[in-house]
Amino acid sequence: MSKQPQVISQTPNGIGREIRVAISEFKGRLLLDIRKWLEIDGKWKATQKGLSVQTVNALLVGDGVQRATAELAELESGVRR
């Protein structure tokens, strides 16, 4: 894999802000990277806010995110009734 992260998704999070999900490499290990990015002077810069997860844990984290998303949807539907 090249040194540039493989961006999987970019989600707007306000003006000049986004959350990126990417696959990156650090010290020869592949990582799932979920991080906030800011646009500064026309260039996108990664912030320290986020997390990097080794491959072995990526599936577990993904499963947890799916369950949390389902729970949020259920809670939201109850709030909006």
Foldseek 3Di string as FASTA:
>chain_A
DDQDWAWPDWADDDVQKIWTWTWHDDPRFIWTWTFMWGQDPNDIDTDPPTDIHGPVCPVVVVVVVVVVVVVVVVVVVVVVD
